C-alpha atoms as a PDB file:
ATOM      1  CA  UNK A   1      -7.237 -42.757 -87.969  1.00  0.00           C
ATOM      2  CA  UNK A   2      -5.525 -42.518 -84.604  1.00  0.00           C
ATOM      3  CA  UNK A   3      -2.921 -40.127 -86.035  1.00  0.00           C
ATOM      4  CA  UNK A   4      -5.637 -37.991 -87.562  1.00  0.00           C
ATOM      5  CA  UNK A   5      -7.559 -37.850 -84.278  1.00  0.00           C
ATOM      6  CA  UNK A   6      -4.421 -36.998 -82.325  1.00  0.00           C
ATOM      7  CA  UNK A   7      -3.515 -34.069 -84.570  1.00  0.00           C
ATOM      8  CA  UNK A   8      -7.103 -32.820 -84.730  1.00  0.00           C
ATOM      9  CA  UNK A   9      -7.229 -32.621 -80.922  1.00  0.00           C
ATOM     10  CA  UNK A  10      -4.007 -30.596 -80.665  1.00  0.00           C
ATOM     11  CA  UNK A  11      -5.629 -27.213 -81.221  1.00  0.00           C
ATOM     12  CA  UNK A  12      -2.509 -25.084 -80.795  1.00  0.00           C
ATOM     13  CA  UNK A  13      -0.007 -27.431 -82.470  1.00  0.00           C
ATOM     14  CA  UNK A  14       2.597 -25.485 -84.469  1.00  0.00           C
ATOM     15  CA  UNK A  15       5.420 -27.972 -85.129  1.00  0.00           C
ATOM     16  CA  UNK A  16       4.890 -31.542 -86.351  1.00  0.00           C
ATOM     17  CA  UNK A  17       7.520 -33.950 -87.673  1.00  0.00           C
ATOM     18  CA  UNK A  18       7.413 -37.546 -88.856  1.00  0.00           C
ATOM     19  CA  UNK A  19      11.040 -38.676 -89.217  1.00  0.00           C
ATOM     20  CA  UNK A  20      11.875 -41.892 -91.118  1.00  0.00           C
ATOM     21  CA  UNK A  21       8.421 -43.291 -90.492  1.00  0.00           C
ATOM     22  CA  UNK A  22       7.118 -46.424 -92.122  1.00  0.00           C
ATOM     23  CA  UNK A  23       3.400 -47.145 -91.913  1.00  0.00           C
ATOM     24  CA  UNK A  24       1.927 -50.596 -92.386  1.00  0.00           C
ATOM     25  CA  UNK A  25      -1.615 -51.266 -93.546  1.00  0.00           C
ATOM     26  CA  UNK A  26      -2.784 -47.656 -93.906  1.00  0.00           C
ATOM     27  CA  UNK A  27      -3.743 -45.969 -97.141  1.00  0.00           C
ATOM     28  CA  UNK A  28      -3.977 -42.315 -96.115  1.00  0.00           C
ATOM     29  CA  UNK A  29      -1.908 -39.793 -94.199  1.00  0.00           C
ATOM     30  CA  UNK A  30      -4.344 -37.057 -93.244  1.00  0.00           C
ATOM     31  CA  UNK A  31      -3.048 -33.928 -91.511  1.00  0.00           C
ATOM     32  CA  UNK A  32      -5.567 -31.206 -90.724  1.00  0.00           C
ATOM     33  CA  UNK A  33      -4.377 -28.381 -88.495  1.00  0.00           C
ATOM     34  CA  UNK A  34      -5.076 -24.656 -88.931  1.00  0.00           C
ATOM     35  CA  UNK A  35      -2.486 -23.784 -86.243  1.00  0.00           C
ATOM     36  CA  UNK A  36       0.377 -25.763 -87.833  1.00  0.00           C
ATOM     37  CA  UNK A  37       3.356 -23.675 -88.967  1.00  0.00           C
ATOM     38  CA  UNK A  38       6.083 -26.282 -89.516  1.00  0.00           C
ATOM     39  CA  UNK A  39       5.553 -29.733 -91.017  1.00  0.00           C
ATOM     40  CA  UNK A  40       8.213 -32.374 -91.740  1.00  0.00           C
ATOM     41  CA  UNK A  41       7.331 -35.653 -93.456  1.00  0.00           C
ATOM     42  CA  UNK A  42      10.144 -38.129 -94.045  1.00  0.00           C
ATOM     43  CA  UNK A  43       8.655 -41.479 -95.021  1.00  0.00           C
ATOM     44  CA  UNK A  44      10.718 -44.652 -95.038  1.00  0.00           C
ATOM     45  CA  UNK A  45       9.554 -46.401 -98.187  1.00  0.00           C
ATOM     46  CA  UNK A  46      11.138 -49.826 -98.484  1.00  0.00           C
ATOM     47  CA  UNK A  47       8.410 -51.887-100.120  1.00  0.00           C
ATOM     48  CA  UNK A  48       6.273 -51.247-103.186  1.00  0.00           C
ATOM     49  CA  UNK A  49       2.974 -51.369-101.326  1.00  0.00           C
ATOM     50  CA  UNK A  50       3.877 -48.168 -99.489  1.00  0.00           C
ATOM     51  CA  UNK A  51       3.576 -46.304-102.769  1.00  0.00           C
ATOM     52  CA  UNK A  52      -0.225 -46.481-102.400  1.00  0.00           C
ATOM     53  CA  UNK A  53      -0.282 -43.777 -99.757  1.00  0.00           C
ATOM     54  CA  UNK A  54      -2.663 -40.888-100.208  1.00  0.00           C
ATOM     55  CA  UNK A  55      -1.398 -37.685 -98.601  1.00  0.00           C
ATOM     56  CA  UNK A  56      -3.943 -35.079 -97.491  1.00  0.00           C
ATOM     57  CA  UNK A  57      -2.674 -31.853 -95.919  1.00  0.00           C
ATOM     58  CA  UNK A  58      -4.917 -29.029 -94.767  1.00  0.00           C
ATOM     59  CA  UNK A  59      -2.611 -26.554 -93.030  1.00  0.00           C
ATOM     60  CA  UNK A  60      -3.382 -23.109 -94.457  1.00  0.00           C
ATOM     61  CA  UNK A  61      -0.980 -21.282 -92.102  1.00  0.00           C
ATOM     62  CA  UNK A  62       2.045 -23.460 -92.812  1.00  0.00           C
ATOM     63  CA  UNK A  63       5.335 -21.534 -93.036  1.00  0.00           C
ATOM     64  CA  UNK A  64       7.799 -24.414 -93.523  1.00  0.00           C
ATOM     65  CA  UNK A  65       7.142 -27.713 -95.313  1.00  0.00           C
ATOM     66  CA  UNK A  66       9.597 -30.584 -95.751  1.00  0.00           C
ATOM     67  CA  UNK A  67       8.693 -33.726 -97.674  1.00  0.00           C
ATOM     68  CA  UNK A  68      11.199 -36.538 -98.345  1.00  0.00           C
ATOM     69  CA  UNK A  69       9.740 -39.753 -99.778  1.00  0.00           C
ATOM     70  CA  UNK A  70       8.833 -41.710-102.864  1.00  0.00           C
ATOM     71  CA  UNK A  71       6.004 -40.082-104.768  1.00  0.00           C
ATOM     72  CA  UNK A  72       2.700 -41.071-103.184  1.00  0.00           C
ATOM     73  CA  UNK A  73      -0.364 -42.260-105.068  1.00  0.00           C
ATOM     74  CA  UNK A  74      -1.976 -38.833-104.799  1.00  0.00           C
ATOM     75  CA  UNK A  75      -1.773 -35.512-102.976  1.00  0.00           C
ATOM     76  CA  UNK A  76      -4.465 -33.123-101.815  1.00  0.00           C
ATOM     77  CA  UNK A  77      -2.953 -29.938-100.426  1.00  0.00           C
ATOM     78  CA  UNK A  78      -4.844 -26.907 -99.199  1.00  0.00           C
ATOM     79  CA  UNK A  79      -3.733 -23.459-100.343  1.00  0.00           C
ATOM     80  CA  UNK A  80      -0.613 -22.542 -98.374  1.00  0.00           C
ATOM     81  CA  UNK A  81      -0.647 -18.764 -98.680  1.00  0.00           C
ATOM     82  CA  UNK A  82       1.809 -18.269 -95.785  1.00  0.00           C
ATOM     83  CA  UNK A  83       4.409 -20.772 -97.024  1.00  0.00           C
ATOM     84  CA  UNK A  84       7.918 -19.304 -96.866  1.00  0.00           C
ATOM     85  CA  UNK A  85      10.176 -22.302 -97.382  1.00  0.00           C
ATOM     86  CA  UNK A  86       9.793 -25.828 -98.770  1.00  0.00           C
ATOM     87  CA  UNK A  87      12.284 -28.680 -98.959  1.00  0.00           C
ATOM     88  CA  UNK A  88      11.036 -31.351-101.374  1.00  0.00           C
ATOM     89  CA  UNK A  89      12.968 -34.547-102.115  1.00  0.00           C
ATOM     90  CA  UNK A  90      11.019 -37.069-104.166  1.00  0.00           C
ATOM     91  CA  UNK A  91      11.897 -40.121-106.173  1.00  0.00           C
ATOM     92  CA  UNK A  92      10.090 -42.535-108.430  1.00  0.00           C
ATOM     93  CA  UNK A  93       9.583 -46.025-107.027  1.00  0.00           C
ATOM     94  CA  UNK A  94      10.696 -48.577-109.627  1.00  0.00           C
ATOM     95  CA  UNK A  95       8.949 -47.917-112.957  1.00  0.00           C
ATOM     96  CA  UNK A  96       5.654 -46.658-111.575  1.00  0.00           C
ATOM     97  CA  UNK A  97       4.246 -43.698-113.501  1.00  0.00           C
ATOM     98  CA  UNK A  98       3.835 -40.959-110.910  1.00  0.00           C
ATOM     99  CA  UNK A  99       3.907 -37.828-113.082  1.00  0.00           C
ATOM    100  CA  UNK A 100       0.381 -36.629-112.243  1.00  0.00           C
ATOM    101  CA  UNK A 101       0.827 -37.194-108.526  1.00  0.00           C
ATOM    102  CA  UNK A 102       4.228 -35.474-108.399  1.00  0.00           C
ATOM    103  CA  UNK A 103       2.795 -32.540-110.340  1.00  0.00           C
ATOM    104  CA  UNK A 104      -0.010 -32.118-107.799  1.00  0.00           C
ATOM    105  CA  UNK A 105       2.539 -32.020-104.988  1.00  0.00           C
ATOM    106  CA  UNK A 106       4.565 -29.245-106.647  1.00  0.00           C
ATOM    107  CA  UNK A 107       1.423 -27.336-107.624  1.00  0.00           C
ATOM    108  CA  UNK A 108       0.344 -27.347-103.978  1.00  0.00           C
ATOM    109  CA  UNK A 109       3.329 -25.265-102.884  1.00  0.00           C
ATOM    110  CA  UNK A 110       3.182 -22.616-105.628  1.00  0.00           C
ATOM    111  CA  UNK A 111       3.123 -19.726-103.106  1.00  0.00           C
ATOM    112  CA  UNK A 112       6.510 -20.631-101.603  1.00  0.00           C
ATOM    113  CA  UNK A 113       9.339 -18.065-101.475  1.00  0.00           C
ATOM    114  CA  UNK A 114      12.299 -20.433-101.016  1.00  0.00           C
ATOM    115  CA  UNK A 115      12.369 -23.929-102.536  1.00  0.00           C
ATOM    116  CA  UNK A 116      14.884 -26.770-102.342  1.00  0.00           C
ATOM    117  CA  UNK A 117      14.044 -29.488-104.855  1.00  0.00           C
ATOM    118  CA  UNK A 118      15.727 -32.872-105.214  1.00  0.00           C
ATOM    119  CA  UNK A 119      14.561 -35.289-107.895  1.00  0.00           C
ATOM    120  CA  UNK A 120      16.229 -38.336-109.394  1.00  0.00           C
ATOM    121  CA  UNK A 121      14.086 -38.408-112.522  1.00  0.00           C
ATOM    122  CA  UNK A 122      12.166 -35.890-114.587  1.00  0.00           C
ATOM    123  CA  UNK A 123       8.931 -37.063-113.011  1.00  0.00           C
ATOM    124  CA  UNK A 124       6.755 -34.092-113.847  1.00  0.00           C
ATOM    125  CA  UNK A 125       6.509 -31.788-116.845  1.00  0.00           C
ATOM    126  CA  UNK A 126       7.098 -28.087-116.329  1.00  0.00           C
ATOM    127  CA  UNK A 127       4.296 -27.331-118.808  1.00  0.00           C
ATOM    128  CA  UNK A 128       1.807 -28.516-116.187  1.00  0.00           C
ATOM    129  CA  UNK A 129       3.140 -26.262-113.430  1.00  0.00           C
ATOM    130  CA  UNK A 130       1.778 -22.864-112.369  1.00  0.00           C
ATOM    131  CA  UNK A 131       3.856 -19.701-112.242  1.00  0.00           C
ATOM    132  CA  UNK A 132       5.707 -19.384-108.923  1.00  0.00           C
ATOM    133  CA  UNK A 133       5.361 -15.611-108.579  1.00  0.00           C
ATOM    134  CA  UNK A 134       6.710 -15.496-105.015  1.00  0.00           C
ATOM    135  CA  UNK A 135       9.729 -17.758-105.485  1.00  0.00           C
ATOM    136  CA  UNK A 136      12.978 -15.814-105.085  1.00  0.00           C
ATOM    137  CA  UNK A 137      15.339 -18.600-103.902  1.00  0.00           C
ATOM    138  CA  UNK A 138      15.679 -21.945-105.665  1.00  0.00           C
ATOM    139  CA  UNK A 139      18.076 -24.782-104.838  1.00  0.00           C
ATOM    140  CA  UNK A 140      18.026 -27.613-107.342  1.00  0.00           C
ATOM    141  CA  UNK A 141      19.625 -31.016-106.921  1.00  0.00           C
ATOM    142  CA  UNK A 142      18.989 -33.131-110.000  1.00  0.00           C
ATOM    143  CA  UNK A 143      20.605 -36.521-110.119  1.00  0.00           C
ATOM    144  CA  UNK A 144      20.552 -39.560-112.350  1.00  0.00           C
ATOM    145  CA  UNK A 145      18.751 -38.409-115.485  1.00  0.00           C
ATOM    146  CA  UNK A 146      19.461 -36.951-118.906  1.00  0.00           C
ATOM    147  CA  UNK A 147      17.811 -33.837-120.231  1.00  0.00           C
ATOM    148  CA  UNK A 148      18.301 -31.941-116.977  1.00  0.00           C
ATOM    149  CA  UNK A 149      19.506 -28.858-118.886  1.00  0.00           C
ATOM    150  CA  UNK A 150      16.279 -28.488-120.845  1.00  0.00           C
ATOM    151  CA  UNK A 151      14.146 -29.257-117.800  1.00  0.00           C
ATOM    152  CA  UNK A 152      15.904 -26.659-115.657  1.00  0.00           C
ATOM    153  CA  UNK A 153      15.577 -23.897-118.247  1.00  0.00           C
ATOM    154  CA  UNK A 154      11.901 -24.758-118.672  1.00  0.00           C
ATOM    155  CA  UNK A 155      11.423 -24.551-114.907  1.00  0.00           C
ATOM    156  CA  UNK A 156      13.130 -21.146-114.797  1.00  0.00           C
ATOM    157  CA  UNK A 157      10.341 -19.904-117.061  1.00  0.00           C
ATOM    158  CA  UNK A 158       7.981 -20.705-114.150  1.00  0.00           C
ATOM    159  CA  UNK A 159       9.886 -18.499-111.672  1.00  0.00           C
ATOM    160  CA  UNK A 160       9.948 -15.003-113.210  1.00  0.00           C
ATOM    161  CA  UNK A 161      11.055 -13.218-110.018  1.00  0.00           C
ATOM    162  CA  UNK A 162      13.878 -15.571-109.001  1.00  0.00           C
ATOM    163  CA  UNK A 163      16.879 -13.830-107.423  1.00  0.00           C
ATOM    164  CA  UNK A 164      19.098 -16.670-106.153  1.00  0.00           C
ATOM    165  CA  UNK A 165      19.813 -19.993-107.869  1.00  0.00           C
ATOM    166  CA  UNK A 166      21.862 -22.837-106.356  1.00  0.00           C
ATOM    167  CA  UNK A 167      22.718 -25.888-108.460  1.00  0.00           C
ATOM    168  CA  UNK A 168      24.157 -29.243-107.470  1.00  0.00           C
ATOM    169  CA  UNK A 169      24.475 -31.496-110.507  1.00  0.00           C
ATOM    170  CA  UNK A 170      26.231 -34.819-111.157  1.00  0.00           C
ATOM    171  CA  UNK A 171      29.752 -34.681-112.555  1.00  0.00           C
ATOM    172  CA  UNK A 172      28.617 -35.108-116.161  1.00  0.00           C
ATOM    173  CA  UNK A 173      26.122 -32.259-116.042  1.00  0.00           C
ATOM    174  CA  UNK A 174      26.548 -29.341-118.355  1.00  0.00           C
ATOM    175  CA  UNK A 175      27.948 -31.247-121.308  1.00  0.00           C
ATOM    176  CA  UNK A 176      24.917 -30.484-123.475  1.00  0.00           C
ATOM    177  CA  UNK A 177      24.392 -26.800-122.675  1.00  0.00           C
ATOM    178  CA  UNK A 178      26.290 -25.664-125.757  1.00  0.00           C
ATOM    179  CA  UNK A 179      23.636 -27.193-127.997  1.00  0.00           C
ATOM    180  CA  UNK A 180      20.748 -25.761-125.955  1.00  0.00           C
ATOM    181  CA  UNK A 181      18.554 -23.486-128.051  1.00  0.00           C
ATOM    182  CA  UNK A 182      15.621 -22.207-126.017  1.00  0.00           C
ATOM    183  CA  UNK A 183      13.997 -18.912-125.198  1.00  0.00           C
ATOM    184  CA  UNK A 184      15.817 -17.251-122.312  1.00  0.00           C
ATOM    185  CA  UNK A 185      13.745 -17.191-119.073  1.00  0.00           C
ATOM    186  CA  UNK A 186      12.732 -13.704-117.989  1.00  0.00           C
ATOM    187  CA  UNK A 187      14.268 -14.159-114.536  1.00  0.00           C
ATOM    188  CA  UNK A 188      17.713 -14.315-116.187  1.00  0.00           C
ATOM    189  CA  UNK A 189      17.031 -11.057-117.963  1.00  0.00           C
ATOM    190  CA  UNK A 190      15.604  -9.010-115.099  1.00  0.00           C
ATOM    191  CA  UNK A 191      15.945 -10.492-111.597  1.00  0.00           C
ATOM    192  CA  UNK A 192      18.550 -13.219-111.066  1.00  0.00           C
ATOM    193  CA  UNK A 193      21.374 -11.717-108.972  1.00  0.00           C
ATOM    194  CA  UNK A 194      23.285 -14.731-107.670  1.00  0.00           C
ATOM    195  CA  UNK A 195      24.097 -18.225-108.945  1.00  0.00           C
ATOM    196  CA  UNK A 196      25.997 -20.823-106.957  1.00  0.00           C
ATOM    197  CA  UNK A 197      27.275 -24.036-108.539  1.00  0.00           C
ATOM    198  CA  UNK A 198      28.223 -26.612-105.927  1.00  0.00           C
ATOM    199  CA  UNK A 199      30.807 -29.311-106.690  1.00  0.00           C
ATOM    200  CA  UNK A 200      31.931 -27.722-109.962  1.00  0.00           C
ATOM    201  CA  UNK A 201      33.382 -30.126-112.530  1.00  0.00           C
ATOM    202  CA  UNK A 202      35.290 -29.125-115.657  1.00  0.00           C
ATOM    203  CA  UNK A 203      32.518 -30.632-117.792  1.00  0.00           C
ATOM    204  CA  UNK A 204      30.162 -27.957-116.445  1.00  0.00           C
ATOM    205  CA  UNK A 205      31.985 -25.156-118.223  1.00  0.00           C
ATOM    206  CA  UNK A 206      29.302 -24.874-120.933  1.00  0.00           C
ATOM    207  CA  UNK A 207      26.649 -24.432-118.246  1.00  0.00           C
ATOM    208  CA  UNK A 208      28.661 -21.556-116.790  1.00  0.00           C
ATOM    209  CA  UNK A 209      28.983 -20.036-120.244  1.00  0.00           C
ATOM    210  CA  UNK A 210      25.203 -20.227-120.734  1.00  0.00           C
ATOM    211  CA  UNK A 211      24.482 -18.322-117.528  1.00  0.00           C
ATOM    212  CA  UNK A 212      27.170 -15.689-118.095  1.00  0.00           C
ATOM    213  CA  UNK A 213      25.856 -15.109-121.592  1.00  0.00           C
ATOM    214  CA  UNK A 214      22.197 -14.790-120.587  1.00  0.00           C
ATOM    215  CA  UNK A 215      22.011 -13.486-117.008  1.00  0.00           C
ATOM    216  CA  UNK A 216      21.821  -9.752-117.668  1.00  0.00           C
ATOM    217  CA  UNK A 217      21.699  -8.479-114.053  1.00  0.00           C
ATOM    218  CA  UNK A 218      23.840 -11.158-112.415  1.00  0.00           C
ATOM    219  CA  UNK A 219      25.984  -9.788-109.586  1.00  0.00           C
ATOM    220  CA  UNK A 220      27.730 -12.905-108.289  1.00  0.00           C
ATOM    221  CA  UNK A 221      28.603 -16.323-109.712  1.00  0.00           C
ATOM    222  CA  UNK A 222      29.967 -18.676-107.048  1.00  0.00           C
ATOM    223  CA  UNK A 223      31.649 -21.948-107.991  1.00  0.00           C
ATOM    224  CA  UNK A 224      33.010 -24.525-105.594  1.00  0.00           C
ATOM    225  CA  UNK A 225      36.107 -26.127-107.143  1.00  0.00           C
ATOM    226  CA  UNK A 226      37.313 -27.886-104.014  1.00  0.00           C
ATOM    227  CA  UNK A 227      37.127 -31.290-105.731  1.00  0.00           C
ATOM    228  CA  UNK A 228      39.426 -30.260-108.602  1.00  0.00           C
ATOM    229  CA  UNK A 229      43.167 -30.647-108.797  1.00  0.00           C
ATOM    230  CA  UNK A 230      45.305 -27.525-108.898  1.00  0.00           C
ATOM    231  CA  UNK A 231      45.844 -27.945-112.650  1.00  0.00           C
ATOM    232  CA  UNK A 232      42.122 -28.469-113.366  1.00  0.00           C
ATOM    233  CA  UNK A 233      41.270 -25.361-111.370  1.00  0.00           C
ATOM    234  CA  UNK A 234      43.893 -23.336-113.246  1.00  0.00           C
ATOM    235  CA  UNK A 235      42.571 -24.506-116.640  1.00  0.00           C
ATOM    236  CA  UNK A 236      38.969 -23.735-115.624  1.00  0.00           C
ATOM    237  CA  UNK A 237      39.944 -20.250-114.527  1.00  0.00           C
ATOM    238  CA  UNK A 238      41.630 -19.604-117.861  1.00  0.00           C
ATOM    239  CA  UNK A 239      38.493 -20.678-119.706  1.00  0.00           C
ATOM    240  CA  UNK A 240      36.356 -18.409-117.564  1.00  0.00           C
ATOM    241  CA  UNK A 241      38.518 -15.415-118.460  1.00  0.00           C
ATOM    242  CA  UNK A 242      37.635 -15.967-122.126  1.00  0.00           C
ATOM    243  CA  UNK A 243      33.876 -15.862-121.582  1.00  0.00           C
ATOM    244  CA  UNK A 244      31.923 -12.694-122.230  1.00  0.00           C
ATOM    245  CA  UNK A 245      29.725 -11.597-119.347  1.00  0.00           C
ATOM    246  CA  UNK A 246      26.364 -10.066-120.250  1.00  0.00           C
ATOM    247  CA  UNK A 247      26.253  -8.403-116.839  1.00  0.00           C
ATOM    248  CA  UNK A 248      29.078  -5.915-116.301  1.00  0.00           C
ATOM    249  CA  UNK A 249      28.525  -6.093-112.521  1.00  0.00           C
ATOM    250  CA  UNK A 250      29.073  -9.855-112.287  1.00  0.00           C
ATOM    251  CA  UNK A 251      31.723 -10.977-109.819  1.00  0.00           C
ATOM    252  CA  UNK A 252      33.031 -14.531-110.212  1.00  0.00           C
ATOM    253  CA  UNK A 253      33.915 -16.176-106.898  1.00  0.00           C
ATOM    254  CA  UNK A 254      35.863 -19.442-106.898  1.00  0.00           C
ATOM    255  CA  UNK A 255      35.928 -21.513-103.709  1.00  0.00           C
END
């Protein structure tokens, strides 16, 4: 209550950050501020009881939103029509089912233009998400789960106007792309201009093949091979030369 009263009495507050905060014996984080433009919430969740937080945010003029924490019990977010950028890093605490709650969090930022998303489990279904019409930049860090290929392609169906895609997968990612048989997202056909794959591993070659084969207007494919040996990099480059590129304008950049 004291936090809520403090924020409510700051009538021209534009920048608010909670960094590595742990709250004992409270059940709700309530932030109501029409003047707020930048909000950072990084919650230190070390014990299971903290999962019972309820997060309420009413900041209709928010431009930047960062949320790093375990998925809370529930979220109530006002419409953020001015939201430009969001950085969301969420994880599932133990075996608690948090799909509905995580979905509400992502639904609340559907107007965002640039999104960085880090998840360690597939904790919400893309079928329950709205269409992110404004999203043009998407950075995805998926770690520690199988089925990430299918989930990512399903999510790309929710972002029809996406122009830039950045991926940071575990080393074993991409091994199942060859068997992927799904309808190609429209953003790959009409809008996606740049793809960057961070920390490229040789096992990701099928993922690269998928994007080259389906991204019709792609202009640049950037791959960071700094972690590879000289021989691995040479072999990967030879494989890339054999792939057909759907986009004739596509430039492959190897870092």
